[in-house]
Protein backbone atom coordinates (compact mmCIF):
# COMPACT_ATOMS: atom_id res chain seq x y z
CA MET A 1 185.11 28.90 -93.66
CA LYS A 2 181.95 26.93 -94.41
CA THR A 3 178.33 28.12 -94.25
CA ILE A 4 175.76 25.81 -92.68
CA ILE A 5 172.10 26.66 -92.13
CA ALA A 6 170.99 25.45 -88.70
CA THR A 7 167.95 25.84 -86.44
CA VAL A 8 167.64 26.72 -82.76
CA LYS A 9 165.48 24.24 -80.82
CA ASN A 10 165.11 24.35 -77.04
CA GLY A 11 167.92 26.89 -76.83
CA LYS A 12 170.43 24.72 -78.71
CA ILE A 13 171.73 25.01 -82.25
CA GLU A 14 170.77 21.94 -84.29
CA LEU A 15 172.75 21.21 -87.43
CA PRO A 16 171.35 19.28 -90.38
CA PRO A 17 171.91 15.52 -89.89
CA GLN A 18 174.60 15.34 -92.60
CA GLU A 19 176.73 17.97 -90.82
CA GLN A 20 178.91 16.62 -88.03
CA LEU A 21 181.42 18.80 -86.19
CA PRO A 22 184.13 17.44 -83.92
CA GLU A 23 183.62 18.12 -80.20
CA GLY A 24 185.12 21.47 -79.22
CA THR A 25 184.91 22.99 -82.71
CA GLN A 26 184.70 26.78 -82.47
CA ILE A 27 182.01 28.35 -84.60
CA THR A 28 180.88 31.86 -85.52
CA VAL A 29 177.12 32.38 -85.42
CA ILE A 30 175.50 35.03 -87.60
CA ILE A 31 171.82 35.66 -86.89
CA ASP A 32 169.68 35.98 -90.02
CA GLU A 33 167.30 38.87 -89.36
CA PRO A 34 164.42 39.22 -91.85
CA ASP A 35 164.28 43.04 -91.51
CA ALA A 36 168.00 43.34 -92.23
CA ASN A 37 167.59 41.16 -95.32
CA PHE A 38 164.82 43.42 -96.61
CA TRP A 39 166.99 46.54 -96.34
CA GLN A 40 170.04 44.78 -97.72
CA ASN A 41 168.12 43.53 -100.77
CA THR A 42 166.49 46.92 -101.29
CA SER A 43 169.86 48.65 -101.15
CA HIS A 44 171.40 46.12 -103.51
CA ASN A 45 168.63 46.63 -106.09
CA SER A 46 168.94 50.42 -105.90
CA LEU A 47 172.72 50.36 -106.22
CA ALA A 48 172.57 47.91 -109.10
CA LYS A 49 170.42 50.39 -111.05
CA ILE A 50 172.94 53.15 -110.39
CA TRP A 51 176.16 51.23 -111.07
CA ASP A 52 175.02 48.91 -113.86
CA ASN A 53 174.30 51.29 -116.71
CA THR A 54 175.67 51.75 -120.21
CA GLU A 55 176.33 55.46 -119.71
CA ASP A 56 179.34 54.63 -117.54
CA ASP A 57 180.87 52.35 -120.18
CA ILE A 58 182.76 55.34 -121.58
CA TYR A 59 184.88 55.45 -118.42
CA ALA A 60 185.96 51.84 -118.89
CA GLN A 61 186.88 52.63 -122.48
CA LEU A 62 188.91 55.67 -121.44
CA LEU A 63 190.82 53.62 -118.86
CA GLN A 64 191.86 51.17 -121.57
CA GLU A 65 193.40 53.94 -123.69
């Protein structure tokens, strides 16, 4: 699978000039929604603070024993 950023113009998806797809190629389109990105980034930052802490390092050490 390959990710390509494209733009919709006049109801059609326009790929960057360097990207050429053979006729009949099936594609999956994922719509980038700004609101969804905000919540996804906010969640990621919050979870990173919870999961990435030195207090939990003891559990990794115990698993190695």
